[in-house]
Amino acid sequence: MADRLAGKICVITGAGGGMGREAAILFTAEGASVCAADVDLAAAEETVGLCAGDAFAVRANVAEEPDVEAMMTATAERFGGIDVLYNNAGISPDDDASVLDTKVDAWDRVQAVNTRGVFLCCKHGIPHLLARGGGSVINVASFVAVLGAATSQISYSASKGAVLSMSRELAVQFARQGVRVNALCPGPVETPLLLNIFGDDPAALERRRIHWPMGRLAKPREIVNAALFLASDDASYVNGATFLVDGGLTAAYVTPE
């Protein structure tokens, strides 16, 4: 067991699977105490069972303010405070498409989780960091916050742009109080969320793969390793960053054939 997060108390949302689960496993292995939060309590509890260190599961819908407040309070009461917020929870439903086709209810569902969820976690989490003299906030945005796509998911893209902008503003606001806020912007990652978008259509995957310089999806751990850095004191001067971990996607004009 390493100790890059020794003594740190972390709240990880969307910890029931994918990158959130990987983060809970890695962060506890690095010495952190973790609140593994997810709208699916059973999935969060399964994550806790995979953790090597101190972790507990909380059911929380990040779009609901009482859930977020209760999650933060439970973590602070259990561990004595909060040092790291890893605001990872997000959705990308099947009915999110072109602006011409996306229904208002689909738009609202995505903004509720992806945008309001990050807002609420920061609103109710940052005071706990301030009480500890500072800490790290990692807001999961996306490469789509800085890059457009003809294969549009307008609600998701807009929500991640909002997360990126919110992160910059919070980074500036709280910098002198010891709170660092960064936007982690993954490229396409091999998670159930993304694989569900491709479904059983290899053409949909290939339509996108040709634009990836490395020619493959990221593994969840490859993204979470970047989050580990941002959570740790190694990133003590990293603040307000658009932390792209995308295999070179946003740098690409022409990719290898």
Protein backbone atom coordinates (compact mmCIF):
# COMPACT_ATOMS: atom_id res chain seq x y z
CA MET A 1 0.00 0.00 0.00
CA ALA A 2 1.32 3.41 -0.98
CA ASP A 3 0.63 6.64 0.85
CA ARG A 4 0.13 9.47 -1.63
CA LEU A 5 -3.24 10.21 0.00
CA ALA A 6 -2.36 9.21 3.56
CA GLY A 7 -4.65 10.92 6.04
CA LYS A 8 -6.89 12.46 3.38
CA ILE A 9 -10.67 12.12 3.46
CA CYS A 10 -12.30 11.88 0.05
CA VAL A 11 -15.85 11.97 -1.26
CA ILE A 12 -16.24 10.20 -4.60
CA THR A 13 -19.57 10.43 -6.41
CA GLY A 14 -20.64 7.93 -9.04
CA ALA A 15 -18.57 5.36 -7.17
CA GLY A 16 -20.81 2.43 -8.01
CA GLY A 17 -18.90 1.59 -11.19
CA GLY A 18 -16.58 2.77 -13.93
CA MET A 19 -14.09 5.49 -13.05
CA GLY A 20 -15.72 6.17 -9.69
CA ARG A 21 -15.21 2.59 -8.57
CA GLU A 22 -11.62 2.60 -9.81
CA ALA A 23 -11.03 5.83 -7.91
CA ALA A 24 -12.36 4.43 -4.64
CA ILE A 25 -10.16 1.35 -4.98
CA LEU A 26 -7.05 3.35 -5.86
CA PHE A 27 -7.59 6.15 -3.34
CA THR A 28 -8.02 3.75 -0.42
CA ALA A 29 -4.95 1.83 -1.57
CA GLU A 30 -3.09 5.13 -1.41
CA GLY A 31 -4.13 5.70 2.20
CA ALA A 32 -7.31 7.77 1.88
CA SER A 33 -10.55 7.33 3.78
CA VAL A 34 -13.35 7.32 1.22
CA CYS A 35 -17.05 7.97 1.02
CA ALA A 36 -18.19 5.93 -2.00
CA ALA A 37 -21.43 7.59 -3.08
CA ASP A 38 -23.80 6.45 -5.78
CA VAL A 39 -27.50 6.61 -6.59
CA ASP A 40 -27.35 2.79 -6.49
CA LEU A 41 -26.48 1.88 -2.91
CA ALA A 42 -25.88 -1.80 -3.69
CA ALA A 43 -23.31 -0.84 -6.33
CA ALA A 44 -21.60 1.54 -3.90
CA GLU A 45 -21.48 -1.19 -1.26
CA GLU A 46 -19.94 -3.56 -3.81
CA THR A 47 -17.28 -0.93 -4.47
CA VAL A 48 -16.54 -0.65 -0.74
CA GLY A 49 -16.07 -4.40 -0.64
CA LEU A 50 -13.30 -4.06 -3.23
CA CYS A 51 -11.45 -1.34 -1.33
CA ALA A 52 -8.29 -2.13 0.60
CA GLY A 53 -8.69 0.68 3.12
CA ASP A 54 -11.31 2.59 5.08
CA ALA A 55 -14.42 3.26 3.01
CA PHE A 56 -18.17 3.39 3.44
CA ALA A 57 -21.09 3.54 1.04
CA VAL A 58 -23.73 6.25 0.81
CA ARG A 59 -26.77 6.42 -1.42
CA ALA A 60 -26.92 9.88 -2.95
CA ASN A 61 -28.60 11.39 -5.96
CA VAL A 62 -26.33 14.35 -6.67
CA ALA A 63 -29.19 16.20 -8.34
CA GLU A 64 -31.02 16.36 -5.01
CA GLU A 65 -29.74 18.92 -2.50
CA PRO A 66 -30.80 17.04 0.67
CA ASP A 67 -28.93 13.93 -0.55
CA VAL A 68 -25.76 15.93 -1.18
CA GLU A 69 -25.93 17.69 2.18
CA ALA A 70 -26.46 14.37 3.96
CA MET A 71 -23.56 12.76 2.08
CA MET A 72 -21.14 15.50 3.10
CA THR A 73 -22.35 15.52 6.69
CA ALA A 74 -22.10 11.74 7.01
CA THR A 75 -18.53 11.80 5.69
CA ALA A 76 -17.43 14.61 8.00
CA GLU A 77 -19.03 12.96 11.01
CA ARG A 78 -17.50 9.57 10.23
CA PHE A 79 -13.96 10.69 9.40
CA GLY A 80 -13.67 14.15 10.98
CA GLY A 81 -13.77 16.31 7.87
CA ILE A 82 -13.30 16.30 4.10
CA ASP A 83 -10.13 17.04 2.10
CA VAL A 84 -10.98 15.94 -1.44
CA LEU A 85 -14.13 16.17 -3.53
CA TYR A 86 -14.08 13.95 -6.62
CA ASN A 87 -17.25 15.01 -8.41
CA ASN A 88 -17.44 12.16 -10.89
CA ALA A 89 -21.15 11.28 -11.17
CA GLY A 90 -22.64 11.86 -14.60
CA ILE A 91 -25.12 10.54 -17.13
CA SER A 92 -25.42 10.45 -20.91
CA PRO A 93 -28.82 8.97 -21.83
CA ASP A 94 -29.70 7.34 -25.13
CA ASP A 95 -32.11 10.14 -26.04
CA ASP A 96 -29.40 12.83 -25.95
CA ALA A 97 -28.68 13.62 -29.59
CA SER A 98 -28.65 16.57 -31.97
CA VAL A 99 -30.15 19.85 -30.80
CA LEU A 100 -32.80 19.22 -33.47
CA ASP A 101 -33.87 15.92 -31.93
CA THR A 102 -33.19 16.14 -28.19
CA LYS A 103 -36.28 16.60 -26.06
CA VAL A 104 -36.41 19.16 -23.28
CA ASP A 105 -36.89 16.48 -20.63
CA ALA A 106 -33.68 14.74 -21.79
CA TRP A 107 -31.84 18.06 -21.61
CA ASP A 108 -33.17 18.70 -18.11
CA ARG A 109 -32.21 15.23 -16.84
CA VAL A 110 -28.62 15.63 -18.00
CA GLN A 111 -28.25 19.15 -16.61
CA ALA A 112 -29.72 18.03 -13.27
CA VAL A 113 -27.07 15.38 -12.72
CA ASN A 114 -24.05 16.65 -14.62
CA THR A 115 -24.31 20.38 -13.94
CA ARG A 116 -26.47 20.85 -10.86
CA GLY A 117 -24.84 17.80 -9.29
CA VAL A 118 -21.38 19.36 -9.48
CA PHE A 119 -22.77 22.69 -8.29
CA LEU A 120 -24.39 21.08 -5.26
CA CYS A 121 -21.35 18.99 -4.38
CA CYS A 122 -19.17 22.10 -4.49
CA LYS A 123 -21.72 24.20 -2.62
CA HIS A 124 -21.99 21.73 0.25
CA GLY A 125 -18.52 20.19 0.04
CA ILE A 126 -16.20 23.20 -0.20
CA PRO A 127 -17.17 24.51 3.26
CA HIS A 128 -15.82 21.27 4.72
CA LEU A 129 -12.54 21.76 2.83
CA LEU A 130 -12.31 25.33 4.08
CA ALA A 131 -12.80 24.10 7.64
CA ARG A 132 -9.72 21.88 7.17
CA GLY A 133 -7.63 24.75 5.80
CA GLY A 134 -7.95 23.74 2.16
CA GLY A 135 -8.15 20.75 -0.11
CA SER A 136 -8.68 19.57 -3.65
CA VAL A 137 -11.81 19.59 -5.81
CA ILE A 138 -11.76 17.44 -8.94
CA ASN A 139 -14.71 18.08 -11.22
CA VAL A 140 -15.08 15.59 -14.04
CA ALA A 141 -15.74 17.45 -17.27
CA SER A 142 -14.81 15.94 -20.65
CA PHE A 143 -12.88 16.51 -23.83
CA VAL A 144 -16.25 17.49 -25.35
CA ALA A 145 -16.09 20.63 -23.21
CA VAL A 146 -13.37 21.93 -25.53
CA LEU A 147 -14.03 20.07 -28.79
CA GLY A 148 -17.12 19.84 -30.98
CA ALA A 149 -18.55 16.69 -32.58
CA ALA A 150 -20.84 16.15 -35.53
CA THR A 151 -22.08 13.04 -33.71
CA SER A 152 -23.71 15.38 -31.22
CA GLN A 153 -24.88 14.74 -27.67
CA ILE A 154 -25.89 18.33 -27.10
CA SER A 155 -27.08 18.00 -23.50
CA TYR A 156 -23.96 16.14 -22.37
CA SER A 157 -21.59 18.47 -24.21
CA ALA A 158 -23.26 21.56 -22.76
CA SER A 159 -23.22 20.13 -19.25
CA LYS A 160 -19.51 19.38 -19.42
CA GLY A 161 -18.80 22.86 -20.75
CA ALA A 162 -20.62 24.22 -17.73
CA VAL A 163 -18.54 22.05 -15.39
CA LEU A 164 -15.35 23.34 -16.99
CA SER A 165 -16.42 26.97 -16.62
CA MET A 166 -17.61 26.43 -13.05
CA SER A 167 -14.30 24.82 -12.14
CA ARG A 168 -12.30 27.79 -13.39
CA GLU A 169 -14.38 30.25 -11.42
CA LEU A 170 -14.22 28.27 -8.19
CA ALA A 171 -10.46 27.83 -8.65
CA VAL A 172 -9.96 31.57 -8.69
CA GLN A 173 -12.43 32.29 -5.90
CA PHE A 174 -10.98 29.91 -3.33
CA ALA A 175 -7.27 29.78 -4.28
CA ARG A 176 -6.09 31.97 -1.40
CA GLN A 177 -8.04 29.85 1.06
CA GLY A 178 -6.10 26.75 0.14
CA VAL A 179 -8.71 25.08 -2.06
CA ARG A 180 -7.59 23.94 -5.49
CA VAL A 181 -10.26 23.26 -8.11
CA ASN A 182 -9.46 21.51 -11.37
CA ALA A 183 -11.50 20.10 -14.24
CA LEU A 184 -10.47 16.58 -15.21
CA CYS A 185 -11.32 16.16 -18.89
CA PRO A 186 -11.11 12.53 -20.01
CA GLY A 187 -11.14 11.44 -23.59
CA PRO A 188 -13.30 8.44 -24.51
CA VAL A 189 -13.07 5.85 -21.73
CA GLU A 190 -13.95 2.18 -21.71
CA THR A 191 -16.86 2.40 -19.29
CA PRO A 192 -20.42 1.01 -19.42
CA LEU A 193 -21.68 4.56 -20.02
CA LEU A 194 -19.71 4.97 -23.24
CA LEU A 195 -19.97 1.39 -24.46
CA ASN A 196 -23.74 1.68 -24.13
CA ILE A 197 -23.66 4.58 -26.58
CA PHE A 198 -21.88 2.43 -29.17
CA GLY A 199 -24.15 -0.52 -28.43
CA ASP A 200 -23.80 -3.31 -30.94
CA ASP A 201 -22.98 -0.97 -33.81
CA PRO A 202 -19.31 -1.40 -34.81
CA ALA A 203 -19.72 1.40 -37.36
CA ALA A 204 -20.53 3.84 -34.55
CA LEU A 205 -17.33 2.88 -32.77
CA GLU A 206 -15.24 3.10 -35.94
CA ARG A 207 -16.76 6.50 -36.80
CA ARG A 208 -15.08 7.80 -33.66
CA ARG A 209 -12.02 5.57 -33.36
CA ILE A 210 -10.45 6.95 -36.52
CA HIS A 211 -10.09 10.31 -34.73
CA TRP A 212 -8.21 8.85 -31.73
CA PRO A 213 -4.44 9.23 -32.19
CA MET A 214 -3.78 6.22 -29.96
CA GLY A 215 -6.49 4.21 -31.71
CA ARG A 216 -8.14 2.96 -28.54
CA LEU A 217 -10.32 3.89 -25.59
CA ALA A 218 -8.71 4.81 -22.29
CA LYS A 219 -8.91 2.36 -19.41
CA PRO A 220 -10.66 3.79 -16.34
CA ARG A 221 -7.47 3.46 -14.29
CA GLU A 222 -5.60 5.66 -16.77
CA ILE A 223 -7.99 8.51 -16.00
CA VAL A 224 -8.11 7.82 -12.28
CA ASN A 225 -4.32 7.98 -12.09
CA ALA A 226 -4.62 11.62 -13.16
CA ALA A 227 -7.26 12.20 -10.48
CA LEU A 228 -4.90 10.68 -7.91
CA PHE A 229 -2.30 13.27 -8.87
CA LEU A 230 -4.81 16.13 -8.60
CA ALA A 231 -5.99 14.88 -5.21
CA SER A 232 -2.47 14.57 -3.84
CA ASP A 233 -0.08 17.19 -2.52
CA ASP A 234 2.06 16.55 -5.60
CA ALA A 235 -0.40 18.86 -7.39
CA SER A 236 -0.08 21.65 -4.82
CA TYR A 237 0.34 24.34 -7.52
CA VAL A 238 -2.13 22.89 -10.01
CA ASN A 239 -5.26 25.02 -9.87
CA GLY A 240 -7.87 26.06 -12.43
CA ALA A 241 -6.48 23.57 -14.93
CA THR A 242 -8.26 22.00 -17.85
CA PHE A 243 -6.59 18.66 -17.19
CA LEU A 244 -6.98 16.81 -20.49
CA VAL A 245 -6.29 13.07 -20.39
CA ASP A 246 -7.39 12.17 -23.89
CA GLY A 247 -4.58 10.30 -25.63
CA GLY A 248 -3.90 13.33 -27.81
CA LEU A 249 -7.43 13.60 -29.18
CA THR A 250 -7.78 17.36 -28.73
CA ALA A 251 -4.33 17.87 -30.30
CA ALA A 252 -5.22 15.97 -33.45
CA TYR A 253 -5.81 17.29 -36.93
CA VAL A 254 -4.92 14.25 -39.03
CA THR A 255 -4.47 10.95 -37.22
CA PRO A 256 -2.50 7.86 -38.25
CA GLU A 257 -4.39 5.61 -40.64
